[in-house]
Protein backbone atom coordinates (compact mmCIF):
# COMPACT_ATOMS: atom_id res chain seq x y z
CA MET A 1 -15.36 19.49 18.20
CA PHE A 2 -13.75 19.04 14.78
CA GLU A 3 -11.43 22.03 14.54
CA ALA A 4 -10.31 21.29 10.97
CA ALA A 5 -13.88 21.21 9.64
CA GLU A 6 -13.95 24.62 7.97
CA SER A 7 -10.52 24.33 6.36
CA LEU A 8 -11.42 20.89 4.98
CA ARG A 9 -14.71 22.17 3.63
CA ALA A 10 -12.88 25.07 1.95
CA GLU A 11 -10.34 22.70 0.42
CA PHE A 12 -13.16 20.42 -0.76
CA ALA A 13 -14.95 23.32 -2.43
CA GLU A 14 -11.73 24.43 -4.12
CA LEU A 15 -11.08 20.90 -5.43
CA GLU A 16 -14.65 20.74 -6.73
CA HIS A 17 -14.02 23.99 -8.59
CA ARG A 18 -10.75 22.65 -10.06
CA LEU A 19 -12.37 19.43 -11.24
CA ALA A 20 -14.98 21.48 -13.09
CA ASP A 21 -12.22 23.38 -14.89
CA PRO A 22 -11.22 21.80 -18.26
CA ALA A 23 -7.66 23.04 -17.73
CA THR A 24 -7.25 20.58 -14.84
CA HIS A 25 -8.05 17.65 -17.09
CA ALA A 26 -5.57 18.81 -19.71
CA ASP A 27 -2.87 17.67 -17.27
CA LEU A 28 -3.55 13.99 -16.56
CA ALA A 29 -1.24 13.84 -13.55
CA LEU A 30 -2.84 16.94 -12.01
CA ALA A 31 -6.33 15.61 -12.68
CA ARG A 32 -5.42 12.30 -11.05
CA ARG A 33 -4.00 13.97 -7.92
CA THR A 34 -6.96 16.35 -7.68
CA GLY A 35 -9.48 13.55 -8.11
CA ARG A 36 -7.84 11.42 -5.46
CA ARG A 37 -7.72 14.20 -2.89
CA TYR A 38 -11.36 15.02 -3.67
CA ALA A 39 -12.25 11.36 -3.13
CA GLU A 40 -10.38 11.38 0.20
CA LEU A 41 -12.25 14.43 1.44
CA THR A 42 -15.73 13.41 0.21
CA PRO A 43 -16.61 11.04 3.10
CA ILE A 44 -15.15 13.50 5.62
CA VAL A 45 -17.21 16.44 4.36
CA LYS A 46 -20.35 14.31 4.09
CA ASN A 47 -19.99 13.21 7.69
CA LEU A 48 -19.19 16.76 8.85
CA ASP A 49 -22.39 17.95 7.17
CA ALA A 50 -24.33 15.11 8.79
CA TYR A 51 -22.84 15.97 12.18
CA ASP A 52 -23.89 19.63 11.89
CA ARG A 53 -27.38 18.72 10.70
CA LEU A 54 -27.93 16.14 13.43
CA THR A 55 -26.59 18.53 16.09
CA ASP A 56 -29.11 21.19 15.03
CA ASP A 57 -31.93 18.61 14.97
CA LEU A 58 -30.97 17.38 18.45
CA ALA A 59 -31.05 20.91 19.87
CA ALA A 60 -34.52 21.44 18.39
CA ALA A 61 -35.79 18.06 19.66
CA ARG A 62 -34.56 18.76 23.20
CA GLU A 63 -36.19 22.18 23.16
CA LEU A 64 -39.48 20.61 22.08
CA ALA A 65 -39.11 17.82 24.65
CA ALA A 66 -39.02 20.40 27.41
CA ASP A 67 -42.69 21.15 26.66
CA ASP A 68 -43.73 17.80 25.15
CA PRO A 69 -42.11 14.63 26.59
CA SER A 70 -43.05 12.70 23.43
CA PHE A 71 -40.04 14.32 21.71
CA ALA A 72 -37.63 12.78 24.26
CA GLU A 73 -37.37 9.51 22.31
CA GLU A 74 -36.52 11.35 19.10
CA ALA A 75 -33.83 13.26 20.98
CA ASP A 76 -32.31 10.00 22.22
CA THR A 77 -32.30 8.60 18.66
CA LEU A 78 -30.58 11.70 17.33
CA ALA A 79 -27.97 11.57 20.12
CA ALA A 80 -27.16 7.95 19.19
CA ARG A 81 -26.78 8.88 15.52
CA ILE A 82 -24.47 11.76 16.45
CA GLU A 83 -22.29 9.33 18.39
CA GLU A 84 -22.03 7.05 15.32
CA VAL A 85 -21.09 9.96 13.05
CA THR A 86 -18.56 11.20 15.62
CA ASP A 87 -16.88 7.78 15.68
CA ARG A 88 -16.69 7.73 11.87
CA LEU A 89 -15.25 11.24 11.75
CA THR A 90 -12.70 10.46 14.45
CA ALA A 91 -11.45 7.53 12.35
CA LEU A 92 -11.47 9.55 9.12
CA LEU A 93 -9.57 12.45 10.70
CA ALA A 94 -6.96 10.33 12.49
CA PRO A 95 -3.39 11.09 11.32
CA ARG A 96 -2.51 8.93 8.34
CA ASP A 97 0.39 8.22 6.02
CA PRO A 98 0.48 10.95 3.34
CA HIS A 99 1.26 8.25 0.75
CA ASP A 100 -1.85 6.19 1.50
CA SER A 101 -3.43 7.58 -1.68
CA ASP A 102 -0.56 6.45 -3.90
CA ASP A 103 -0.24 3.48 -6.18
CA ALA A 104 2.38 0.95 -5.09
CA LEU A 105 5.57 -0.69 -6.23
CA LEU A 106 6.00 -4.10 -4.65
CA GLU A 107 9.35 -5.87 -4.73
CA ILE A 108 9.74 -9.55 -3.82
CA LYS A 109 13.19 -11.09 -3.33
CA SER A 110 14.10 -14.67 -2.55
CA GLY A 111 16.13 -15.15 0.62
CA GLU A 112 17.35 -18.06 2.66
CA GLY A 113 16.44 -21.41 1.14
CA GLY A 114 17.87 -21.32 -2.38
CA GLU A 115 15.54 -22.55 -5.11
CA GLU A 116 12.74 -23.20 -2.61
CA SER A 117 12.86 -19.55 -1.57
CA ALA A 118 12.67 -18.48 -5.22
CA LEU A 119 9.61 -20.71 -5.73
CA PHE A 120 8.01 -19.18 -2.64
CA ALA A 121 8.72 -15.72 -4.07
CA ALA A 122 6.77 -16.84 -7.16
CA ASP A 123 3.90 -17.97 -4.89
CA LEU A 124 3.84 -14.52 -3.28
CA PHE A 125 3.87 -12.88 -6.71
CA ARG A 126 0.81 -14.89 -7.75
CA MET A 127 -0.92 -14.19 -4.43
CA TYR A 128 -0.51 -10.42 -4.74
CA SER A 129 -1.39 -10.45 -8.44
CA ARG A 130 -4.64 -12.32 -7.82
CA TYR A 131 -5.55 -10.07 -4.90
CA ALA A 132 -4.86 -6.97 -6.99
CA GLU A 133 -6.93 -8.27 -9.89
CA ALA A 134 -9.82 -9.06 -7.53
CA ARG A 135 -9.66 -5.44 -6.30
CA GLY A 136 -9.79 -4.15 -9.87
CA TRP A 137 -6.18 -2.93 -9.81
CA SER A 138 -3.80 -3.27 -12.72
CA VAL A 139 -0.54 -5.18 -12.28
CA GLU A 140 2.58 -4.49 -14.36
CA VAL A 141 5.85 -6.40 -14.00
CA LEU A 142 8.66 -3.83 -14.12
CA ASP A 143 11.56 -6.20 -13.64
CA SER A 144 12.12 -9.88 -12.84
CA GLN A 145 14.91 -12.42 -12.54
CA GLU A 146 13.61 -15.95 -13.00
CA THR A 147 15.20 -19.23 -11.96
CA ASP A 148 15.34 -22.52 -13.88
CA LEU A 149 12.43 -24.03 -11.93
CA GLY A 150 10.10 -21.08 -12.47
CA GLY A 151 10.84 -19.19 -9.28
CA PHE A 152 12.03 -15.61 -8.91
CA LYS A 153 15.29 -14.32 -7.49
CA SER A 154 13.51 -10.98 -7.57
CA ILE A 155 10.45 -9.42 -9.16
CA THR A 156 9.11 -5.88 -8.99
CA LEU A 157 5.44 -5.06 -9.64
CA ALA A 158 3.67 -1.77 -10.25
CA ILE A 159 0.14 -1.96 -8.84
CA LYS A 160 -2.20 0.81 -9.92
CA ALA A 161 -5.77 1.67 -8.92
CA ARG A 162 -8.27 2.28 -11.69
CA GLY A 163 -10.70 4.33 -9.58
CA THR A 164 -10.64 6.94 -6.82
CA ASP A 165 -12.09 4.99 -3.89
CA PRO A 166 -10.19 6.42 -0.88
CA ASP A 167 -10.21 3.02 0.85
CA ALA A 168 -8.78 1.22 -2.17
CA PHE A 169 -5.47 2.87 -3.01
CA PRO A 170 -2.82 0.14 -3.41
CA TYR A 171 -0.12 1.58 -1.15
CA GLY A 172 -2.52 2.34 1.68
CA VAL A 173 -3.72 -1.26 1.60
CA LEU A 174 -0.50 -3.16 0.81
CA LYS A 175 2.03 -1.19 2.88
CA PHE A 176 1.60 -3.68 5.73
CA GLU A 177 3.15 -6.43 3.57
CA GLY A 178 6.70 -5.11 3.91
CA GLY A 179 8.98 -7.51 5.77
CA VAL A 180 10.20 -11.11 5.80
CA HIS A 181 7.65 -13.78 4.85
CA ARG A 182 8.60 -17.24 6.09
CA VAL A 183 7.35 -20.51 4.57
CA GLN A 184 7.34 -23.97 6.15
CA ARG A 185 6.67 -26.85 3.72
CA VAL A 186 8.14 -29.83 1.91
CA PRO A 187 9.96 -28.36 -1.10
CA VAL A 188 9.49 -29.83 -4.58
CA THR A 189 13.25 -30.44 -4.57
CA GLU A 190 13.06 -32.53 -1.35
CA THR A 191 13.25 -36.29 -1.95
CA GLN A 192 12.74 -37.51 1.64
CA GLY A 193 9.62 -35.56 2.55
CA ARG A 194 11.26 -33.31 5.11
CA VAL A 195 9.75 -29.93 5.98
CA HIS A 196 12.04 -27.00 5.21
CA THR A 197 11.87 -23.39 6.31
CA SER A 198 12.80 -20.63 3.91
CA ALA A 199 11.94 -16.99 3.45
CA ALA A 200 11.37 -14.21 0.95
CA GLY A 201 11.55 -10.47 1.51
CA VAL A 202 8.86 -8.03 0.45
CA LEU A 203 9.29 -4.27 0.13
CA VAL A 204 6.27 -2.05 -0.58
CA MET A 205 6.92 1.49 -1.78
CA PRO A 206 4.61 4.34 -2.84
CA ASP A 207 4.69 4.80 -6.60
CA SER A 208 5.19 8.55 -6.52
CA GLU A 209 4.85 10.66 -9.63
CA GLU A 210 7.87 12.32 -11.18
CA ALA A 211 6.73 15.78 -10.07
CA GLU A 212 6.62 14.66 -6.42
CA VAL A 213 10.22 13.38 -6.23
CA GLU A 214 13.05 15.50 -7.62
CA VAL A 215 16.02 13.51 -8.88
CA ASP A 216 19.04 15.46 -10.07
CA PRO A 217 20.46 13.81 -13.24
CA ASP A 218 23.95 14.75 -12.02
CA ASP A 219 23.39 12.44 -9.02
CA LEU A 220 22.92 9.40 -11.25
CA ARG A 221 25.35 6.90 -12.74
CA ILE A 222 23.63 4.99 -15.53
CA ASP A 223 25.12 1.75 -16.86
CA VAL A 224 23.76 -0.37 -19.70
CA TYR A 225 24.40 -4.06 -20.15
CA ARG A 226 23.10 -7.12 -21.91
CA SER A 227 19.90 -8.65 -20.55
CA SER A 228 20.01 -12.19 -19.19
CA GLY A 229 17.48 -14.94 -18.61
CA PRO A 230 14.35 -15.88 -20.54
CA GLY A 231 12.65 -13.27 -22.64
CA GLY A 232 12.37 -14.43 -26.19
CA GLN A 233 14.42 -13.90 -29.32
CA GLY A 234 16.69 -10.89 -29.22
CA VAL A 235 16.51 -10.20 -25.49
CA ASN A 236 20.13 -11.23 -24.90
CA THR A 237 21.63 -9.68 -28.06
CA THR A 238 21.52 -5.94 -27.27
CA ASP A 239 22.64 -3.73 -24.40
CA SER A 240 19.07 -2.86 -23.40
CA ALA A 241 19.26 -3.53 -19.64
CA VAL A 242 19.79 -0.48 -17.44
CA ARG A 243 21.34 -0.09 -14.00
CA ILE A 244 21.04 3.26 -12.19
CA THR A 245 23.07 4.19 -9.12
CA HIS A 246 21.92 7.15 -7.03
CA LEU A 247 25.29 8.46 -5.91
CA PRO A 248 24.21 10.44 -2.79
CA THR A 249 22.44 7.45 -1.22
CA GLY A 250 24.11 4.48 -2.92
CA ILE A 251 20.70 3.09 -3.95
CA VAL A 252 20.98 0.85 -7.02
CA VAL A 253 18.08 -0.18 -9.25
CA SER A 254 18.09 -2.16 -12.46
CA CYS A 255 15.60 -3.13 -15.13
CA GLN A 256 15.91 -5.53 -18.04
CA ASN A 257 12.37 -6.69 -18.83
CA GLU A 258 11.77 -4.42 -21.83
CA ARG A 259 13.52 -4.73 -25.19
CA SER A 260 14.04 -0.97 -25.34
CA GLN A 261 16.84 0.65 -23.35
CA LEU A 262 14.68 3.79 -23.02
CA GLN A 263 11.75 1.83 -21.57
CA ASN A 264 14.05 0.08 -19.10
CA LYS A 265 15.54 3.43 -18.09
CA GLU A 266 12.07 4.89 -17.44
CA SER A 267 11.07 1.87 -15.34
CA ALA A 268 14.35 2.01 -13.40
CA LEU A 269 13.83 5.72 -12.65
CA ARG A 270 10.32 4.92 -11.44
CA MET A 271 11.75 2.28 -9.09
CA LEU A 272 14.45 4.71 -7.91
CA ARG A 273 11.88 7.38 -7.03
CA ALA A 274 9.92 4.83 -5.02
CA ARG A 275 13.06 3.72 -3.17
CA LEU A 276 13.95 7.30 -2.32
CA VAL A 277 10.48 7.88 -0.86
CA ALA A 278 10.75 4.61 1.12
CA ALA A 279 14.22 5.56 2.39
CA ALA A 280 12.92 8.93 3.56
CA ALA A 281 10.06 7.21 5.37
CA GLU A 282 12.48 4.81 7.07
CA ALA A 283 14.67 7.71 8.18
CA ALA A 284 11.66 9.51 9.63
CA ALA A 285 10.57 6.35 11.45
CA ALA A 286 14.09 5.88 12.85
CA GLU A 287 13.91 9.35 14.38
CA ALA A 288 10.61 8.59 16.09
CA SER A 289 10.59 7.05 19.55
CA ALA A 290 9.98 3.31 19.85
CA ALA A 291 6.65 3.96 21.52
CA ARG A 292 5.38 5.92 18.52
CA ARG A 293 6.75 3.64 15.81
CA SER A 294 4.00 1.46 14.31
CA GLN A 295 4.65 -2.27 14.41
CA VAL A 296 2.46 -2.80 11.36
CA ARG A 297 3.77 0.02 9.19
CA THR A 298 7.30 -1.28 8.88
CA VAL A 299 9.14 -1.34 5.57
CA ASP A 300 12.11 -3.18 7.07
CA ARG A 301 12.66 -6.47 5.26
CA SER A 302 14.86 -7.77 8.10
CA GLU A 303 11.81 -8.18 10.33
CA ARG A 304 9.93 -11.48 10.07
CA ILE A 305 6.29 -10.55 9.84
CA ARG A 306 4.43 -13.67 8.73
CA THR A 307 4.63 -17.46 8.52
CA TYR A 308 2.96 -19.66 5.91
CA ASN A 309 2.70 -23.24 7.21
CA PHE A 310 1.57 -25.57 4.43
CA GLY A 311 1.31 -28.69 6.60
CA GLU A 312 -1.29 -27.04 8.86
CA ASN A 313 -2.78 -24.83 6.10
CA ARG A 314 -2.04 -21.99 8.53
CA ILE A 315 -1.10 -18.35 8.06
CA ALA A 316 0.13 -16.35 11.06
CA ASP A 317 0.97 -12.65 11.22
CA HIS A 318 3.37 -12.14 14.11
CA ARG A 319 2.86 -8.39 14.51
CA ILE A 320 -0.76 -8.57 15.64
CA GLY A 321 -1.16 -12.21 16.64
CA TYR A 322 -3.40 -12.98 13.65
CA LYS A 323 -3.85 -16.66 12.83
CA ALA A 324 -6.10 -18.42 10.32
CA TYR A 325 -6.28 -21.88 8.77
CA ASN A 326 -7.08 -20.91 5.21
CA LEU A 327 -3.61 -20.65 3.70
CA ASP A 328 -4.77 -22.21 0.43
CA GLN A 329 -7.35 -19.44 0.01
CA VAL A 330 -4.88 -16.72 0.98
CA LEU A 331 -2.37 -17.89 -1.62
CA ALA A 332 -5.22 -17.85 -4.14
CA GLY A 333 -5.54 -14.10 -3.50
CA ASN A 334 -8.00 -14.01 -0.59
CA LEU A 335 -5.91 -11.64 1.52
CA GLY A 336 -8.85 -9.64 2.84
CA GLY A 337 -8.92 -11.15 6.35
CA VAL A 338 -5.30 -10.53 7.27
CA LEU A 339 -5.14 -7.09 5.61
CA GLU A 340 -8.32 -5.94 7.35
CA ALA A 341 -6.91 -7.10 10.70
CA LEU A 342 -3.71 -5.14 10.04
CA GLN A 343 -5.66 -2.04 9.02
CA ALA A 344 -7.76 -2.29 12.19
CA ALA A 345 -4.62 -2.54 14.34
CA ASP A 346 -3.10 0.43 12.54
CA LEU A 347 -6.27 2.52 13.02
CA ALA A 348 -6.41 1.63 16.72
CA GLU A 349 -2.82 2.79 17.15
CA ARG A 350 -3.46 6.06 15.28
CA LEU A 351 -6.55 6.74 17.38
CA GLU A 352 -4.59 5.99 20.55
CA GLY A 353 -2.04 8.56 19.45
CA ILE A 354 -4.69 11.30 19.44
CA GLY A 355 -6.59 10.06 22.48
């Protein structure tokens, strides 16, 4: 039934051998990749082993039941357990995004709505930060542009997993957040109590390692300039900010948060690699037919995906018809409900594709 079983078992055994080799752990990046792939395959192999064991037990129980009807009930129980394991394996083996096991870079930009949009971008930053911390992930601010009222024109976060739980890799969980997030509320700048609508854009990208994305230095134009905005003494007195233009694609990234030009360059290159991976994914999606393109896996910020209505304490995700009246809890980092609903919709679509 599961044609890939033997190849996956062989790969699992090979990974187990590599993880036992000290040479693997001498290369931290290699050890991390190997450990994550091993963690991905562990539940698959365990369920494959359970499927084979239960299948053998069922055959024996049915053979015994032919002579002794008392074994018929045990056979029925084993058949039910095989069905459960089959369902789990079908979900585990469904085609998935190859970057689901990556860490994530998450970029939030203010949009329509001026200062209110920038304040909403700050709300989203806090929401994702609290959710990440609750999951045990680390959050690093790579770059930010603050406004006078404490909002953000833009902010880019690196979100990294500390473990190897295959269901808890940041990109695989947060990729559904890409798109336009709309807010409806009375802004702090509003003097007459009128409800305004504004928006912020979110882009989620896999934080790919340097070895996975080749960037030719000859394809880059690197400019340095003086940092601006808050940042403490000395931040505005040296040319430490870095802007990198990828000439073949026209992608531009910049970073000014660190005092060191070298640190800002490294962060900007990290952001560039992530953007190149995201651009490749968008190009691949554009080539796919509309029927095969997932409505919940978009990275297009032009698409409005969610509304946050403060007056009704309501959050609504427009892609899957999700609606809940716990906006205050969601903004406090309790994103589990909406993300689980999006993951369920994504799984259903992937299973439909192989049905």
